[in-house]
Every structure is written in structure tokens, then in C-alpha cells.
């Protein structure tokens, strides 16, 4: 598997898609910080208002991050099927499980790097424009920041695992892109429908996007929900990866 990871690293460093993705993660926080400077009224209503709340850049840009990551994964995996390069790897005796996990690891690593860049730039740019400040109601900032960042990161990675599963089944960049987008919309915004019912509203928060879109991580009361968010994220990663590998093993590669 190490050889597969090395080969993927070489391909990624030569790929324009990677640099486009990382470029977007750089541009977004800088643009938003500058925009917040020119609109003080709007900033009052924002999740990120100073350097301290910059740790919540993932919450602020959750939908954008998911779209960027899903698009990258769709092309990253879909092109392997479309170009037939997947056959070259498998013909060398690599197992499909190893191949699947390699793609998942690379996609997850890129998401982590991009999110680290976005969060770091968010903290720096908002601090330079609005001061570091504090998070209202939080007394131990570093403990809060560690928990919030880790929880948000797991929520994002859970979706990465879903997008990888979708891409391996779609075997086409365009088809995968469409299904990934529909999945994000349905589980992110459609899951909110269950909140309108008394007996089924609990279903909403078994989708990771629901936590990203409906939770307020700047609210100290939400900290008690972090363990459940972590549990749902880990279950999503394990279940989606298991299903993805099992289905991939039965896939006919032409």
C-alpha cells in the first residue's frame, strides 16, 4: 500500500486539480475576512467575527468545502475508470481493498491539508482585521478550539468517505459529481424536513451534514453534542468504507 501512496503523491503533485483545490482553500478565508471588514453590520450575524472564532471556518464554509472536496474526488477517482489506468494498478497484483483505501487516504489527506490552511488563514486574517477577541461564554479557549476543530474535521471526513464510495460506484466523473451534489443537498437540507415531526426529528442528526448546517458551534451549549457528532462521523466512515469496498470488489472493470 505504501507504493500505491507514493505513486498517488507523484500524480497529485503533477495535477492541476490539487493546486486549484488548495488555491480555493487559500482564497476563501482571505476574501471573507476582507469582506467582513467592509460590512460591520453583516459581521455581527456571522459565525466567524474575530480571530478566536476563526477556528470555526469549517462551520462557516461547510457547504463550500463539501462541494470543493466532492468535485475533486469525482474527478480524482472517476478519471481512473474513464482512462483505464485503474486496470494497470490492479494488474500488478494490488488488491482492490488496498486501492480503495489508498484513494480514501489521499482524498482525506488533501481535505485535512486544505482545512488546516483555511482555518489557519481564517484565524490570522480575522485577527489582523478584528483582533483575536474571544468566543462568548468560553473560558478555556484552547480546550474548546481543540474539541470544535476535531469534531468539525471528523464531520467533513465522514463526507469524504461517502464521496469516495459514490465515485467508485459511479465510475464516471460527471455521474459521480451529480450524485455527490444530490447527496449533499438531500442530506444537508432535506434532512431538516424530519425536524418538523415529533417522532422522526431524531433522524436529522444521524446525517453529518445536519450537524454542519444546523448546529451553532459558537454556542457553548453545543459542546455537549460533540460526542454524538464524533460517533455519527466514525460510524459513517466505517459503514460507507465497508460498503464501498464490498461493492468495489464486485464491480466489473472493463
C-alpha atoms as a PDB file:
ATOM      1  CA  UNK A   1       0.000   0.000   0.000  1.00  0.00           C
ATOM      2  CA  UNK A   2       2.980   2.284   0.633  1.00  0.00           C
ATOM      3  CA  UNK A   3       3.939   2.023  -3.048  1.00  0.00           C
ATOM      4  CA  UNK A   4       0.414   2.981  -4.033  1.00  0.00           C
ATOM      5  CA  UNK A   5       0.530   6.028  -1.774  1.00  0.00           C
ATOM      6  CA  UNK A   6       3.892   7.057  -3.237  1.00  0.00           C
ATOM      7  CA  UNK A   7       2.533   6.750  -6.764  1.00  0.00           C
ATOM      8  CA  UNK A   8      -0.527   8.809  -5.828  1.00  0.00           C
ATOM      9  CA  UNK A   9       1.687  11.514  -4.305  1.00  0.00           C
ATOM     10  CA  UNK A  10       3.661  11.833  -7.524  1.00  0.00           C
ATOM     11  CA  UNK A  11       0.483  12.055  -9.613  1.00  0.00           C
ATOM     12  CA  UNK A  12      -1.074  14.623  -7.309  1.00  0.00           C
ATOM     13  CA  UNK A  13       1.960  16.901  -7.314  1.00  0.00           C
ATOM     14  CA  UNK A  14       1.724  16.998 -11.103  1.00  0.00           C
ATOM     15  CA  UNK A  15      -2.033  17.537 -11.112  1.00  0.00           C
ATOM     16  CA  UNK A  16      -3.548  20.980 -11.632  1.00  0.00           C
ATOM     17  CA  UNK A  17      -6.689  19.887  -9.785  1.00  0.00           C
ATOM     18  CA  UNK A  18      -4.845  19.674  -6.473  1.00  0.00           C
ATOM     19  CA  UNK A  19      -3.444  23.178  -6.769  1.00  0.00           C
ATOM     20  CA  UNK A  20      -6.840  24.535  -7.783  1.00  0.00           C
ATOM     21  CA  UNK A  21      -8.415  22.959  -4.693  1.00  0.00           C
ATOM     22  CA  UNK A  22      -5.700  24.261  -2.369  1.00  0.00           C
ATOM     23  CA  UNK A  23      -5.925  27.658  -4.064  1.00  0.00           C
ATOM     24  CA  UNK A  24      -9.633  27.833  -3.261  1.00  0.00           C
ATOM     25  CA  UNK A  25      -8.934  26.973   0.374  1.00  0.00           C
ATOM     26  CA  UNK A  26      -6.493  29.892   0.438  1.00  0.00           C
ATOM     27  CA  UNK A  27      -8.694  32.421  -1.346  1.00  0.00           C
ATOM     28  CA  UNK A  28     -11.940  31.806   0.554  1.00  0.00           C
ATOM     29  CA  UNK A  29     -10.824  32.843   4.084  1.00  0.00           C
ATOM     30  CA  UNK A  30      -8.876  35.863   2.827  1.00  0.00           C
ATOM     31  CA  UNK A  31     -11.812  37.084   0.741  1.00  0.00           C
ATOM     32  CA  UNK A  32     -14.284  36.576   3.588  1.00  0.00           C
ATOM     33  CA  UNK A  33     -12.076  38.431   6.062  1.00  0.00           C
ATOM     34  CA  UNK A  34     -11.715  41.398   3.727  1.00  0.00           C
ATOM     35  CA  UNK A  35     -15.455  41.370   3.046  1.00  0.00           C
ATOM     36  CA  UNK A  36     -16.205  41.355   6.780  1.00  0.00           C
ATOM     37  CA  UNK A  37     -14.097  44.482   7.189  1.00  0.00           C
ATOM     38  CA  UNK A  38     -16.296  46.393   4.776  1.00  0.00           C
ATOM     39  CA  UNK A  39     -19.576  45.192   6.280  1.00  0.00           C
ATOM     40  CA  UNK A  40     -19.630  45.508  10.069  1.00  0.00           C
ATOM     41  CA  UNK A  41     -23.419  45.005  10.213  1.00  0.00           C
ATOM     42  CA  UNK A  42     -23.198  41.693   8.409  1.00  0.00           C
ATOM     43  CA  UNK A  43     -20.317  40.535  10.564  1.00  0.00           C
ATOM     44  CA  UNK A  44     -22.442  40.722  13.713  1.00  0.00           C
ATOM     45  CA  UNK A  45     -24.551  37.906  12.268  1.00  0.00           C
ATOM     46  CA  UNK A  46     -21.578  35.792  11.123  1.00  0.00           C
ATOM     47  CA  UNK A  47     -20.146  32.707  12.790  1.00  0.00           C
ATOM     48  CA  UNK A  48     -16.580  33.963  12.391  1.00  0.00           C
ATOM     49  CA  UNK A  49     -16.195  37.522  13.694  1.00  0.00           C
ATOM     50  CA  UNK A  50     -12.668  37.564  15.109  1.00  0.00           C
ATOM     51  CA  UNK A  51      -9.502  35.518  15.354  1.00  0.00           C
ATOM     52  CA  UNK A  52     -10.800  33.311  18.146  1.00  0.00           C
ATOM     53  CA  UNK A  53     -13.859  32.236  16.184  1.00  0.00           C
ATOM     54  CA  UNK A  54     -11.628  31.652  13.146  1.00  0.00           C
ATOM     55  CA  UNK A  55     -11.386  28.071  14.399  1.00  0.00           C
ATOM     56  CA  UNK A  56     -14.940  27.686  13.058  1.00  0.00           C
ATOM     57  CA  UNK A  57     -14.053  28.333   9.414  1.00  0.00           C
ATOM     58  CA  UNK A  58     -15.227  24.798   8.646  1.00  0.00           C
ATOM     59  CA  UNK A  59     -18.677  25.567  10.003  1.00  0.00           C
ATOM     60  CA  UNK A  60     -18.852  28.894   8.194  1.00  0.00           C
ATOM     61  CA  UNK A  61     -17.840  27.303   4.871  1.00  0.00           C
ATOM     62  CA  UNK A  62     -19.206  23.799   5.367  1.00  0.00           C
ATOM     63  CA  UNK A  63     -21.249  23.691   2.166  1.00  0.00           C
ATOM     64  CA  UNK A  64     -18.465  25.202   0.048  1.00  0.00           C
ATOM     65  CA  UNK A  65     -15.911  22.746   1.468  1.00  0.00           C
ATOM     66  CA  UNK A  66     -18.157  19.788   0.685  1.00  0.00           C
ATOM     67  CA  UNK A  67     -18.696  20.970  -2.888  1.00  0.00           C
ATOM     68  CA  UNK A  68     -14.980  21.533  -3.485  1.00  0.00           C
ATOM     69  CA  UNK A  69     -13.981  18.197  -1.980  1.00  0.00           C
ATOM     70  CA  UNK A  70     -16.725  16.244  -3.749  1.00  0.00           C
ATOM     71  CA  UNK A  71     -15.751  17.749  -7.105  1.00  0.00           C
ATOM     72  CA  UNK A  72     -12.096  16.853  -6.594  1.00  0.00           C
ATOM     73  CA  UNK A  73     -12.913  13.274  -5.543  1.00  0.00           C
ATOM     74  CA  UNK A  74     -15.275  12.824  -8.501  1.00  0.00           C
ATOM     75  CA  UNK A  75     -12.514  13.680 -10.975  1.00  0.00           C
ATOM     76  CA  UNK A  76      -9.725  12.101  -8.920  1.00  0.00           C
ATOM     77  CA  UNK A  77     -11.386   8.678  -8.950  1.00  0.00           C
ATOM     78  CA  UNK A  78     -13.648   8.935 -11.993  1.00  0.00           C
ATOM     79  CA  UNK A  79     -10.756   9.602 -14.357  1.00  0.00           C
ATOM     80  CA  UNK A  80      -9.062   6.379 -13.236  1.00  0.00           C
ATOM     81  CA  UNK A  81     -12.016   4.404 -14.590  1.00  0.00           C
ATOM     82  CA  UNK A  82     -12.507   6.568 -17.686  1.00  0.00           C
ATOM     83  CA  UNK A  83      -8.819   6.494 -18.667  1.00  0.00           C
ATOM     84  CA  UNK A  84      -8.450   2.834 -17.826  1.00  0.00           C
ATOM     85  CA  UNK A  85      -5.477   3.470 -15.527  1.00  0.00           C
ATOM     86  CA  UNK A  86      -7.155   1.529 -12.749  1.00  0.00           C
ATOM     87  CA  UNK A  87      -6.564  -1.671 -14.721  1.00  0.00           C
ATOM     88  CA  UNK A  88      -2.816  -1.027 -14.753  1.00  0.00           C
ATOM     89  CA  UNK A  89      -2.669  -0.878 -10.962  1.00  0.00           C
ATOM     90  CA  UNK A  90      -4.853  -3.911 -10.350  1.00  0.00           C
ATOM     91  CA  UNK A  91      -2.953  -5.944 -12.952  1.00  0.00           C
ATOM     92  CA  UNK A  92       0.184  -5.554 -10.829  1.00  0.00           C
ATOM     93  CA  UNK A  93      -1.407  -7.654  -8.116  1.00  0.00           C
ATOM     94  CA  UNK A  94      -2.657  -4.880  -5.849  1.00  0.00           C
ATOM     95  CA  UNK A  95      -5.868  -5.801  -4.071  1.00  0.00           C
ATOM     96  CA  UNK A  96      -8.988  -3.772  -4.596  1.00  0.00           C
ATOM     97  CA  UNK A  97      -9.184  -3.123  -0.869  1.00  0.00           C
ATOM     98  CA  UNK A  98      -5.702  -1.579  -0.893  1.00  0.00           C
ATOM     99  CA  UNK A  99      -6.566   0.506  -3.934  1.00  0.00           C
ATOM    100  CA  UNK A 100      -9.802   1.751  -2.384  1.00  0.00           C
ATOM    101  CA  UNK A 101      -8.171   2.623   0.944  1.00  0.00           C
ATOM    102  CA  UNK A 102      -5.336   4.409  -0.862  1.00  0.00           C
ATOM    103  CA  UNK A 103      -7.784   6.666  -2.674  1.00  0.00           C
ATOM    104  CA  UNK A 104      -9.677   7.281   0.558  1.00  0.00           C
ATOM    105  CA  UNK A 105      -6.467   8.143   2.397  1.00  0.00           C
ATOM    106  CA  UNK A 106      -5.286  10.548  -0.303  1.00  0.00           C
ATOM    107  CA  UNK A 107      -8.671  12.288  -0.547  1.00  0.00           C
ATOM    108  CA  UNK A 108      -8.839  12.580   3.249  1.00  0.00           C
ATOM    109  CA  UNK A 109      -5.282  13.941   3.456  1.00  0.00           C
ATOM    110  CA  UNK A 110      -5.995  16.605   0.849  1.00  0.00           C
ATOM    111  CA  UNK A 111      -9.137  17.633   2.745  1.00  0.00           C
ATOM    112  CA  UNK A 112      -7.172  17.856   6.001  1.00  0.00           C
ATOM    113  CA  UNK A 113      -4.413  19.956   4.427  1.00  0.00           C
ATOM    114  CA  UNK A 114      -6.926  22.282   2.783  1.00  0.00           C
ATOM    115  CA  UNK A 115      -8.909  22.686   6.002  1.00  0.00           C
ATOM    116  CA  UNK A 116      -5.752  23.384   8.022  1.00  0.00           C
ATOM    117  CA  UNK A 117      -4.806  26.088   5.527  1.00  0.00           C
ATOM    118  CA  UNK A 118      -8.292  27.597   5.555  1.00  0.00           C
ATOM    119  CA  UNK A 119      -8.546  27.582   9.355  1.00  0.00           C
ATOM    120  CA  UNK A 120      -5.061  28.992   9.890  1.00  0.00           C
ATOM    121  CA  UNK A 121      -5.632  31.769   7.368  1.00  0.00           C
ATOM    122  CA  UNK A 122      -9.040  32.462   8.883  1.00  0.00           C
ATOM    123  CA  UNK A 123      -7.552  32.920  12.336  1.00  0.00           C
ATOM    124  CA  UNK A 124      -4.683  35.087  11.057  1.00  0.00           C
ATOM    125  CA  UNK A 125      -6.718  37.306   8.732  1.00  0.00           C
ATOM    126  CA  UNK A 126      -9.596  37.863  11.142  1.00  0.00           C
ATOM    127  CA  UNK A 127      -7.142  38.573  13.955  1.00  0.00           C
ATOM    128  CA  UNK A 128      -5.336  41.177  11.842  1.00  0.00           C
ATOM    129  CA  UNK A 129      -8.608  42.890  10.918  1.00  0.00           C
ATOM    130  CA  UNK A 130     -10.761  42.438  14.024  1.00  0.00           C
ATOM    131  CA  UNK A 131      -8.391  41.322  16.773  1.00  0.00           C
ATOM    132  CA  UNK A 132      -8.188  37.863  18.312  1.00  0.00           C
ATOM    133  CA  UNK A 133     -11.018  38.529  20.782  1.00  0.00           C
ATOM    134  CA  UNK A 134     -12.796  35.574  22.348  1.00  0.00           C
ATOM    135  CA  UNK A 135     -15.673  33.149  21.936  1.00  0.00           C
ATOM    136  CA  UNK A 136     -18.629  34.287  24.021  1.00  0.00           C
ATOM    137  CA  UNK A 137     -19.225  32.019  27.007  1.00  0.00           C
ATOM    138  CA  UNK A 138     -15.981  30.071  26.562  1.00  0.00           C
ATOM    139  CA  UNK A 139     -13.408  30.303  29.359  1.00  0.00           C
ATOM    140  CA  UNK A 140     -10.919  27.603  28.324  1.00  0.00           C
ATOM    141  CA  UNK A 141     -10.379  28.585  24.699  1.00  0.00           C
ATOM    142  CA  UNK A 142      -7.699  26.056  23.781  1.00  0.00           C
ATOM    143  CA  UNK A 143      -9.741  23.114  25.030  1.00  0.00           C
ATOM    144  CA  UNK A 144     -12.783  24.429  23.161  1.00  0.00           C
ATOM    145  CA  UNK A 145     -10.780  25.069  19.984  1.00  0.00           C
ATOM    146  CA  UNK A 146      -9.315  21.557  20.026  1.00  0.00           C
ATOM    147  CA  UNK A 147     -12.730  19.922  20.504  1.00  0.00           C
ATOM    148  CA  UNK A 148     -14.518  22.124  17.962  1.00  0.00           C
ATOM    149  CA  UNK A 149     -11.843  21.736  15.292  1.00  0.00           C
ATOM    150  CA  UNK A 150     -11.530  17.981  15.787  1.00  0.00           C
ATOM    151  CA  UNK A 151     -15.284  17.455  15.687  1.00  0.00           C
ATOM    152  CA  UNK A 152     -15.772  19.593  12.593  1.00  0.00           C
ATOM    153  CA  UNK A 153     -12.882  17.850  10.864  1.00  0.00           C
ATOM    154  CA  UNK A 154     -14.421  14.431  11.516  1.00  0.00           C
ATOM    155  CA  UNK A 155     -17.752  15.629  10.132  1.00  0.00           C
ATOM    156  CA  UNK A 156     -16.001  16.677   6.920  1.00  0.00           C
ATOM    157  CA  UNK A 157     -14.001  13.439   6.659  1.00  0.00           C
ATOM    158  CA  UNK A 158     -17.182  11.422   7.080  1.00  0.00           C
ATOM    159  CA  UNK A 159     -18.474  13.070   3.932  1.00  0.00           C
ATOM    160  CA  UNK A 160     -15.177  12.425   2.167  1.00  0.00           C
ATOM    161  CA  UNK A 161     -15.749   8.697   2.756  1.00  0.00           C
ATOM    162  CA  UNK A 162     -19.242   8.988   1.273  1.00  0.00           C
ATOM    163  CA  UNK A 163     -17.965  10.798  -1.823  1.00  0.00           C
ATOM    164  CA  UNK A 164     -15.276   8.157  -2.334  1.00  0.00           C
ATOM    165  CA  UNK A 165     -17.907   5.419  -2.134  1.00  0.00           C
ATOM    166  CA  UNK A 166     -20.119   7.237  -4.644  1.00  0.00           C
ATOM    167  CA  UNK A 167     -17.226   7.789  -7.055  1.00  0.00           C
ATOM    168  CA  UNK A 168     -16.161   4.142  -7.023  1.00  0.00           C
ATOM    169  CA  UNK A 169     -19.704   3.079  -7.851  1.00  0.00           C
ATOM    170  CA  UNK A 170     -20.337   5.757 -10.472  1.00  0.00           C
ATOM    171  CA  UNK A 171     -17.074   5.078 -12.355  1.00  0.00           C
ATOM    172  CA  UNK A 172     -17.558   8.400 -14.126  1.00  0.00           C
ATOM    173  CA  UNK A 173     -16.514  11.885 -13.089  1.00  0.00           C
ATOM    174  CA  UNK A 174     -19.696  13.525 -14.368  1.00  0.00           C
ATOM    175  CA  UNK A 175     -22.064  10.959 -12.869  1.00  0.00           C
ATOM    176  CA  UNK A 176     -20.216  10.987  -9.569  1.00  0.00           C
ATOM    177  CA  UNK A 177     -20.311  14.776  -9.464  1.00  0.00           C
ATOM    178  CA  UNK A 178     -24.075  14.784  -9.938  1.00  0.00           C
ATOM    179  CA  UNK A 179     -24.746  12.095  -7.323  1.00  0.00           C
ATOM    180  CA  UNK A 180     -22.379  13.685  -4.818  1.00  0.00           C
ATOM    181  CA  UNK A 181     -24.128  17.019  -5.245  1.00  0.00           C
ATOM    182  CA  UNK A 182     -27.571  15.445  -4.871  1.00  0.00           C
ATOM    183  CA  UNK A 183     -26.429  13.561  -1.779  1.00  0.00           C
ATOM    184  CA  UNK A 184     -25.092  16.754  -0.194  1.00  0.00           C
ATOM    185  CA  UNK A 185     -28.280  18.684  -0.897  1.00  0.00           C
ATOM    186  CA  UNK A 186     -30.582  15.863   0.218  1.00  0.00           C
ATOM    187  CA  UNK A 187     -28.802  15.077   3.482  1.00  0.00           C
ATOM    188  CA  UNK A 188     -27.785  18.645   4.238  1.00  0.00           C
ATOM    189  CA  UNK A 189     -31.023  20.460   3.585  1.00  0.00           C
ATOM    190  CA  UNK A 190     -33.513  17.657   3.031  1.00  0.00           C
ATOM    191  CA  UNK A 191     -32.768  16.062   6.387  1.00  0.00           C
ATOM    192  CA  UNK A 192     -34.176  19.177   8.037  1.00  0.00           C
ATOM    193  CA  UNK A 193     -37.632  18.031   6.994  1.00  0.00           C
ATOM    194  CA  UNK A 194     -37.573  15.496   9.835  1.00  0.00           C
ATOM    195  CA  UNK A 195     -37.264  18.360  12.319  1.00  0.00           C
ATOM    196  CA  UNK A 196     -40.860  19.251  11.510  1.00  0.00           C
ATOM    197  CA  UNK A 197     -42.118  15.986  13.003  1.00  0.00           C
ATOM    198  CA  UNK A 198     -42.145  14.967  16.639  1.00  0.00           C
ATOM    199  CA  UNK A 199     -41.412  11.268  16.187  1.00  0.00           C
ATOM    200  CA  UNK A 200     -38.809  11.404  13.412  1.00  0.00           C
ATOM    201  CA  UNK A 201     -36.787  14.540  14.154  1.00  0.00           C
ATOM    202  CA  UNK A 202     -34.046  12.419  15.722  1.00  0.00           C
ATOM    203  CA  UNK A 203     -33.258  11.085  12.219  1.00  0.00           C
ATOM    204  CA  UNK A 204     -31.952  14.500  11.139  1.00  0.00           C
ATOM    205  CA  UNK A 205     -28.925  14.262  13.380  1.00  0.00           C
ATOM    206  CA  UNK A 206     -27.815  10.906  12.089  1.00  0.00           C
ATOM    207  CA  UNK A 207     -26.567  12.755   8.997  1.00  0.00           C
ATOM    208  CA  UNK A 208     -23.242  14.538   9.375  1.00  0.00           C
ATOM    209  CA  UNK A 209     -24.326  17.442   7.157  1.00  0.00           C
ATOM    210  CA  UNK A 210     -27.185  18.168   9.548  1.00  0.00           C
ATOM    211  CA  UNK A 211     -24.658  18.941  12.285  1.00  0.00           C
ATOM    212  CA  UNK A 212     -22.658  21.134   9.902  1.00  0.00           C
ATOM    213  CA  UNK A 213     -25.670  23.101   8.671  1.00  0.00           C
ATOM    214  CA  UNK A 214     -27.929  23.263  11.727  1.00  0.00           C
ATOM    215  CA  UNK A 215     -25.550  23.343  14.711  1.00  0.00           C
ATOM    216  CA  UNK A 216     -24.071  26.523  16.172  1.00  0.00           C
ATOM    217  CA  UNK A 217     -20.524  25.656  17.205  1.00  0.00           C
ATOM    218  CA  UNK A 218     -20.076  29.132  18.669  1.00  0.00           C
ATOM    219  CA  UNK A 219     -22.741  28.269  21.229  1.00  0.00           C
ATOM    220  CA  UNK A 220     -21.233  26.687  24.383  1.00  0.00           C
ATOM    221  CA  UNK A 221     -24.375  24.568  24.750  1.00  0.00           C
ATOM    222  CA  UNK A 222     -23.449  22.667  21.574  1.00  0.00           C
ATOM    223  CA  UNK A 223     -20.313  21.255  23.224  1.00  0.00           C
ATOM    224  CA  UNK A 224     -22.408  18.550  24.876  1.00  0.00           C
ATOM    225  CA  UNK A 225     -23.336  17.290  21.393  1.00  0.00           C
ATOM    226  CA  UNK A 226     -19.722  16.810  20.272  1.00  0.00           C
ATOM    227  CA  UNK A 227     -19.535  13.141  21.403  1.00  0.00           C
ATOM    228  CA  UNK A 228     -22.597  12.296  19.325  1.00  0.00           C
ATOM    229  CA  UNK A 229     -21.160  14.156  16.320  1.00  0.00           C
ATOM    230  CA  UNK A 230     -17.946  12.164  16.668  1.00  0.00           C
ATOM    231  CA  UNK A 231     -19.887   8.897  16.958  1.00  0.00           C
ATOM    232  CA  UNK A 232     -22.008   9.624  13.876  1.00  0.00           C
ATOM    233  CA  UNK A 233     -18.905  10.635  11.917  1.00  0.00           C
ATOM    234  CA  UNK A 234     -16.955   7.496  12.821  1.00  0.00           C
ATOM    235  CA  UNK A 235     -19.937   5.251  12.083  1.00  0.00           C
ATOM    236  CA  UNK A 236     -20.383   6.969   8.718  1.00  0.00           C
ATOM    237  CA  UNK A 237     -16.721   6.449   7.823  1.00  0.00           C
ATOM    238  CA  UNK A 238     -16.729   2.774   8.828  1.00  0.00           C
ATOM    239  CA  UNK A 239     -20.055   1.893   7.216  1.00  0.00           C
ATOM    240  CA  UNK A 240     -19.507   3.808   3.958  1.00  0.00           C
ATOM    241  CA  UNK A 241     -15.968   2.452   3.576  1.00  0.00           C
ATOM    242  CA  UNK A 242     -17.097  -1.110   4.230  1.00  0.00           C
ATOM    243  CA  UNK A 243     -19.958  -0.843   1.742  1.00  0.00           C
ATOM    244  CA  UNK A 244     -17.705   0.881  -0.790  1.00  0.00           C
ATOM    245  CA  UNK A 245     -15.036  -1.834  -0.594  1.00  0.00           C
ATOM    246  CA  UNK A 246     -17.554  -4.694  -0.784  1.00  0.00           C
ATOM    247  CA  UNK A 247     -19.287  -3.196  -3.812  1.00  0.00           C
ATOM    248  CA  UNK A 248     -15.985  -2.336  -5.495  1.00  0.00           C
ATOM    249  CA  UNK A 249     -14.857  -5.956  -5.184  1.00  0.00           C
ATOM    250  CA  UNK A 250     -17.932  -6.985  -7.184  1.00  0.00           C
ATOM    251  CA  UNK A 251     -17.559  -4.266  -9.782  1.00  0.00           C
ATOM    252  CA  UNK A 252     -16.780  -5.339 -13.313  1.00  0.00           C
ATOM    253  CA  UNK A 253     -13.938  -3.163 -14.615  1.00  0.00           C
ATOM    254  CA  UNK A 254     -13.920  -3.018 -18.393  1.00  0.00           C
END
